[in-house]
C-alpha atoms as a PDB file:
ATOM      1  CA  ALA A   1     106.699  43.790  93.795  1.00  0.00           C
ATOM      2  CA  VAL A   2     105.414  44.432  91.349  1.00  0.00           C
ATOM      3  CA  PHE A   3     102.263  45.855  92.982  1.00  0.00           C
ATOM      4  CA  LEU A   4     104.709  48.021  94.869  1.00  0.00           C
ATOM      5  CA  VAL A   5     106.114  49.401  91.832  1.00  0.00           C
ATOM      6  CA  LEU A   6     102.513  49.879  89.854  1.00  0.00           C
ATOM      7  CA  THR A   7     101.166  51.608  93.141  1.00  0.00           C
ATOM      8  CA  PHE A   8     104.463  54.223  92.699  1.00  0.00           C
ATOM      9  CA  MET A   9     103.793  54.850  89.314  1.00  0.00           C
ATOM     10  CA  LEU A  10     100.424  55.469  90.136  1.00  0.00           C
ATOM     11  CA  SER A  11     101.172  58.062  92.619  1.00  0.00           C
ATOM     12  CA  LEU A  12     103.380  59.432  90.216  1.00  0.00           C
ATOM     13  CA  LEU A  13     100.919  60.278  87.484  1.00  0.00           C
ATOM     14  CA  THR A  14      97.878  60.756  89.832  1.00  0.00           C
ATOM     15  CA  PRO A  15      98.678  64.806  89.806  1.00  0.00           C
ATOM     16  CA  MET A  16      99.096  65.241  85.806  1.00  0.00           C
ATOM     17  CA  PHE A  17      95.280  63.293  85.551  1.00  0.00           C
ATOM     18  CA  SER A  18      93.480  65.358  88.430  1.00  0.00           C
ATOM     19  CA  HIS A  19      95.121  68.672  86.718  1.00  0.00           C
ATOM     20  CA  LEU A  20      93.988  67.046  83.583  1.00  0.00           C
ATOM     21  CA  ALA A  21      90.075  66.547  85.100  1.00  0.00           C
ATOM     22  CA  GLY A  22      90.513  70.310  86.284  1.00  0.00           C
ATOM     23  CA  THR A  23      90.486  69.147  89.728  1.00  0.00           C
ATOM     24  CA  ASN A  24      92.681  71.985  91.852  1.00  0.00           C
ATOM     25  CA  GLU A  25      93.574  74.379  88.954  1.00  0.00           C
ATOM     26  CA  LEU A  26      94.897  77.472  89.945  1.00  0.00           C
ATOM     27  CA  VAL A  27      92.972  80.267  88.635  1.00  0.00           C
ATOM     28  CA  GLN A  28      94.527  83.276  89.630  1.00  0.00           C
ATOM     29  CA  ALA A  29      98.537  83.741  89.722  1.00  0.00           C
ATOM     30  CA  ALA A  30     100.269  86.221  91.504  1.00  0.00           C
ATOM     31  CA  THR A  31     103.779  88.079  90.405  1.00  0.00           C
ATOM     32  CA  PHE A  32     104.961  90.337  92.549  1.00  0.00           C
ATOM     33  CA  LYS A  33     107.986  92.477  92.300  1.00  0.00           C
ATOM     34  CA  ILE A  34     109.412  94.947  94.741  1.00  0.00           C
ATOM     35  CA  SER A  35     111.079  98.124  93.246  1.00  0.00           C
ATOM     36  CA  LYS A  36     115.173  97.057  94.166  1.00  0.00           C
ATOM     37  CA  LYS A  37     116.687  94.217  95.380  1.00  0.00           C
ATOM     38  CA  ASN A  38     119.644  96.181  96.543  1.00  0.00           C
ATOM     39  CA  ALA A  39     120.521  99.946  97.660  1.00  0.00           C
ATOM     40  CA  THR A  40     123.497 101.644  98.639  1.00  0.00           C
ATOM     41  CA  MET A  41     122.399 104.891 101.220  1.00  0.00           C
ATOM     42  CA  TYR A  42     124.277 107.629 102.608  1.00  0.00           C
ATOM     43  CA  LEU A  43     123.590 108.120 106.031  1.00  0.00           C
ATOM     44  CA  GLY A  44     120.316 110.296 106.873  1.00  0.00           C
ATOM     45  CA  ASP A  45     118.659 109.538 103.112  1.00  0.00           C
ATOM     46  CA  SER A  46     115.389 108.092 102.595  1.00  0.00           C
ATOM     47  CA  LEU A  47     114.248 105.219  99.711  1.00  0.00           C
ATOM     48  CA  GLN A  48     110.829 104.184  98.360  1.00  0.00           C
ATOM     49  CA  LEU A  49     110.374 100.736  97.526  1.00  0.00           C
ATOM     50  CA  LYS A  50     107.041  99.412  96.231  1.00  0.00           C
ATOM     51  CA  VAL A  51     105.717  96.282  95.310  1.00  0.00           C
ATOM     52  CA  SER A  52     104.149  95.507  91.867  1.00  0.00           C
ATOM     53  CA  GLY A  53     101.722  93.112  90.445  1.00  0.00           C
ATOM     54  CA  LEU A  54      99.301  94.038  93.642  1.00  0.00           C
ATOM     55  CA  LYS A  55      95.427  93.984  93.008  1.00  0.00           C
ATOM     56  CA  THR A  56      92.792  94.725  94.872  1.00  0.00           C
ATOM     57  CA  GLY A  57      92.660  93.500  98.981  1.00  0.00           C
ATOM     58  CA  ASP A  58      96.538  92.333  98.321  1.00  0.00           C
ATOM     59  CA  LYS A  59      98.685  93.602 102.335  1.00  0.00           C
ATOM     60  CA  VAL A  60     101.818  94.891 102.138  1.00  0.00           C
ATOM     61  CA  THR A  61     103.516  95.013 105.164  1.00  0.00           C
ATOM     62  CA  TRP A  62     107.104  96.422 106.162  1.00  0.00           C
ATOM     63  CA  SER A  63     110.018  95.496 108.242  1.00  0.00           C
ATOM     64  CA  SER A  64     113.673  95.906 108.918  1.00  0.00           C
ATOM     65  CA  SER A  65     116.307  93.259 109.890  1.00  0.00           C
ATOM     66  CA  ASN A  66     118.081  95.918 111.999  1.00  0.00           C
ATOM     67  CA  LYS A  67     115.905  98.794 112.711  1.00  0.00           C
ATOM     68  CA  GLU A  68     118.818 100.721 113.924  1.00  0.00           C
ATOM     69  CA  VAL A  69     120.742 100.334 110.604  1.00  0.00           C
ATOM     70  CA  ALA A  70     117.732 100.941 108.308  1.00  0.00           C
ATOM     71  CA  SER A  71     114.238 101.719 109.463  1.00  0.00           C
ATOM     72  CA  VAL A  72     111.092 101.233 107.323  1.00  0.00           C
ATOM     73  CA  SER A  73     107.974 102.698 107.669  1.00  0.00           C
ATOM     74  CA  SER A  74     104.420 101.066 107.028  1.00  0.00           C
ATOM     75  CA  LYS A  75     104.593 102.915 103.279  1.00  0.00           C
ATOM     76  CA  GLY A  76     108.050 100.975 102.614  1.00  0.00           C
ATOM     77  CA  VAL A  77     110.392 104.344 103.091  1.00  0.00           C
ATOM     78  CA  VAL A  78     113.269 103.065 104.191  1.00  0.00           C
ATOM     79  CA  THR A  79     116.076 105.548 106.355  1.00  0.00           C
ATOM     80  CA  ALA A  80     119.170 104.741 106.753  1.00  0.00           C
ATOM     81  CA  LYS A  81     119.868 105.349 109.920  1.00  0.00           C
ATOM     82  CA  THR A  82     124.065 103.949 110.675  1.00  0.00           C
ATOM     83  CA  PRO A  83     126.400 103.816 108.702  1.00  0.00           C
ATOM     84  CA  ASN A  84     128.723 101.164 107.102  1.00  0.00           C
ATOM     85  CA  ALA A  85     126.421  98.778 108.138  1.00  0.00           C
ATOM     86  CA  SER A  86     123.513  96.618 106.245  1.00  0.00           C
ATOM     87  CA  ALA A  87     119.655  95.301 106.930  1.00  0.00           C
ATOM     88  CA  LYS A  88     117.583  93.370 104.843  1.00  0.00           C
ATOM     89  CA  ILE A  89     114.045  95.047 104.203  1.00  0.00           C
ATOM     90  CA  THR A  90     111.130  92.420 104.083  1.00  0.00           C
ATOM     91  CA  ALA A  91     108.069  93.409 101.989  1.00  0.00           C
ATOM     92  CA  THR A  92     105.664  90.560 102.899  1.00  0.00           C
ATOM     93  CA  VAL A  93     102.550  90.270 100.725  1.00  0.00           C
ATOM     94  CA  LYS A  94      99.389  88.980 101.837  1.00  0.00           C
ATOM     95  CA  TYR A  95      97.226  87.891  98.943  1.00  0.00           C
ATOM     96  CA  LYS A  96      94.264  85.687  97.920  1.00  0.00           C
ATOM     97  CA  TYR A  97      94.185  82.986  95.087  1.00  0.00           C
ATOM     98  CA  THR A  98      91.654  80.973  93.674  1.00  0.00           C
ATOM     99  CA  TYR A  99      91.375  77.908  92.161  1.00  0.00           C
ATOM    100  CA  LYS A 100      88.614  75.428  91.059  1.00  0.00           C
ATOM    101  CA  TYR A 101      87.834  72.327  91.543  1.00  0.00           C
ATOM    102  CA  LYS A 102      85.671  69.530  90.421  1.00  0.00           C
ATOM    103  CA  VAL A 103      83.097  68.070  92.654  1.00  0.00           C
ATOM    104  CA  LYS A 104      80.493  65.629  90.942  1.00  0.00           C
ATOM    105  CA  LYS A 105      81.056  66.866  87.393  1.00  0.00           C
ATOM    106  CA  LYS A 106      80.803  69.930  88.949  1.00  0.00           C
ATOM    107  CA  TYR A 107      83.369  73.186  88.661  1.00  0.00           C
ATOM    108  CA  LYS A 108      83.720  74.926  91.912  1.00  0.00           C
ATOM    109  CA  TYR A 109      86.096  77.865  92.924  1.00  0.00           C
ATOM    110  CA  LYS A 110      87.926  78.211  96.150  1.00  0.00           C
ATOM    111  CA  THR A 111      89.735  81.387  97.156  1.00  0.00           C
ATOM    112  CA  LYS A 112      92.698  81.021 100.117  1.00  0.00           C
ATOM    113  CA  THR A 113      94.708  83.661 101.414  1.00  0.00           C
ATOM    114  CA  LYS A 114      98.515  82.990 101.219  1.00  0.00           C
ATOM    115  CA  THR A 115     101.943  85.407 102.064  1.00  0.00           C
ATOM    116  CA  LYS A 116     105.158  85.932  99.583  1.00  0.00           C
ATOM    117  CA  LYS A 117     108.286  87.719 100.678  1.00  0.00           C
ATOM    118  CA  LEU A 118     110.663  90.009  98.780  1.00  0.00           C
ATOM    119  CA  TYR A 119     113.863  91.248 100.115  1.00  0.00           C
ATOM    120  CA  CYS A 120     115.726  94.358  99.745  1.00  0.00           C
ATOM    121  CA  THR A 121     119.159  94.655 100.736  1.00  0.00           C
ATOM    122  CA  ILE A 122     120.110  98.143 102.288  1.00  0.00           C
ATOM    123  CA  ASN A 123     123.855  98.622 102.438  1.00  0.00           C
ATOM    124  CA  THR A 124     124.416 102.185 104.452  1.00  0.00           C
ATOM    125  CA  ILE A 125     127.559 104.743 103.974  1.00  0.00           C
ATOM    126  CA  TYR A 126     128.543 107.771 105.308  1.00  0.00           C
ATOM    127  CA  PRO A 127     127.770 110.887 103.118  1.00  0.00           C
ATOM    128  CA  PRO A 128     130.867 111.705 100.755  1.00  0.00           C
ATOM    129  CA  LEU A 129     132.586 115.423 102.753  1.00  0.00           C
ATOM    130  CA  GLU A 130     132.373 118.343 100.741  1.00  0.00           C
ATOM    131  CA  ARG A 131     135.569 120.148 101.139  1.00  0.00           C
ATOM    132  CA  LYS A 132     136.060 123.961 100.307  1.00  0.00           C
ATOM    133  CA  LEU A 133     138.728 126.738 100.612  1.00  0.00           C
ATOM    134  CA  ASN A 134     138.059 129.156 103.053  1.00  0.00           C
ATOM    135  CA  VAL A 135     139.358 131.210 100.456  1.00  0.00           C
ATOM    136  CA  THR A 136     138.707 130.906  96.711  1.00  0.00           C
ATOM    137  CA  GLU A 137     140.529 134.101  95.518  1.00  0.00           C
ATOM    138  CA  GLN A 138     143.073 136.577  97.317  1.00  0.00           C
ATOM    139  CA  LEU A 139     145.064 139.982  95.517  1.00  0.00           C
ATOM    140  CA  LEU A 140     148.016 140.529  98.063  1.00  0.00           C
ATOM    141  CA  GLY A 141     150.283 143.106  97.562  1.00  0.00           C
ATOM    142  CA  SER A 142     153.978 142.450  97.651  1.00  0.00           C
ATOM    143  CA  GLY A 143     155.210 141.377 101.401  1.00  0.00           C
ATOM    144  CA  TYR A 144     151.360 140.373 102.213  1.00  0.00           C
ATOM    145  CA  SER A 145     150.427 136.937 103.379  1.00  0.00           C
ATOM    146  CA  PHE A 146     147.268 134.813 104.556  1.00  0.00           C
ATOM    147  CA  GLU A 147     145.843 131.562 105.823  1.00  0.00           C
ATOM    148  CA  LEU A 148     144.604 129.007 103.582  1.00  0.00           C
ATOM    149  CA  SER A 149     142.779 126.221 105.028  1.00  0.00           C
ATOM    150  CA  VAL A 150     139.941 123.310 104.154  1.00  0.00           C
ATOM    151  CA  VAL A 151     136.652 123.858 105.455  1.00  0.00           C
ATOM    152  CA  ASP A 152     135.268 120.769 106.636  1.00  0.00           C
ATOM    153  CA  ALA A 153     138.476 118.515 106.558  1.00  0.00           C
ATOM    154  CA  ASP A 154     138.751 115.584 108.025  1.00  0.00           C
ATOM    155  CA  PRO A 155     140.967 114.871 110.866  1.00  0.00           C
ATOM    156  CA  TYR A 156     142.345 111.963 108.499  1.00  0.00           C
ATOM    157  CA  ASP A 157     143.253 113.917 105.517  1.00  0.00           C
ATOM    158  CA  THR A 158     146.316 114.962 104.668  1.00  0.00           C
ATOM    159  CA  ILE A 159     146.284 117.993 102.622  1.00  0.00           C
ATOM    160  CA  THR A 160     148.918 119.987 100.438  1.00  0.00           C
ATOM    161  CA  TYR A 161     148.949 123.186  99.273  1.00  0.00           C
ATOM    162  CA  SER A 162     150.697 124.455  95.784  1.00  0.00           C
ATOM    163  CA  VAL A 163     151.031 127.409  93.566  1.00  0.00           C
ATOM    164  CA  ARG A 164     151.045 127.557  90.119  1.00  0.00           C
ATOM    165  CA  ASP A 165     153.473 130.215  89.900  1.00  0.00           C
ATOM    166  CA  PRO A 166     156.398 130.306  92.255  1.00  0.00           C
ATOM    167  CA  TYR A 167     157.961 133.511  91.252  1.00  0.00           C
ATOM    168  CA  ILE A 168     154.613 135.203  92.353  1.00  0.00           C
ATOM    169  CA  ALA A 169     153.398 133.105  95.526  1.00  0.00           C
ATOM    170  CA  TYR A 170     154.970 130.762  97.839  1.00  0.00           C
ATOM    171  CA  VAL A 171     153.831 128.264 100.305  1.00  0.00           C
ATOM    172  CA  ASP A 172     155.778 128.154 103.364  1.00  0.00           C
ATOM    173  CA  ASP A 173     154.746 124.197 104.074  1.00  0.00           C
ATOM    174  CA  THR A 174     153.466 122.289 101.541  1.00  0.00           C
ATOM    175  CA  THR A 175     151.619 119.652 103.877  1.00  0.00           C
ATOM    176  CA  TYR A 176     149.430 119.993 106.523  1.00  0.00           C
ATOM    177  CA  LYS A 177     148.010 117.348 108.769  1.00  0.00           C
END
């Protein structure tokens, strides 16, 4: 039992001692960040995503979890394609890191390639409708009339017309659908 306890304790202490001895010591740490972790986009809009912390030789590959909702170019430009949906954009960074280790009292360096994934969630929505009146100002004589309407009105909109001074003008029916 004592032997098992000592073996267990030694296995816990080995990583600490190997670090002090210089074996497998990391020389170059990589810290990458994506420019946005969440974004809401209107249908048809584009957004440029970037990865910071890249060094010479690091490569970024972009992908979308749902290309029908949001596509992404090889340069990180996201385009919203389907409204009221979401997609996850992934930036996969392939980078090299160096560590040193000790062999017979001499330090040696070794470089390996690793990958790190960064994510941005894209939510897509319809752009707001820009509604305008077909007439903004109208000068009429007594007894004349004109028809007022809303340009680009959604069929589900409820439109209410009113006038400031009912003694000067009036609206036949105040609510139209």
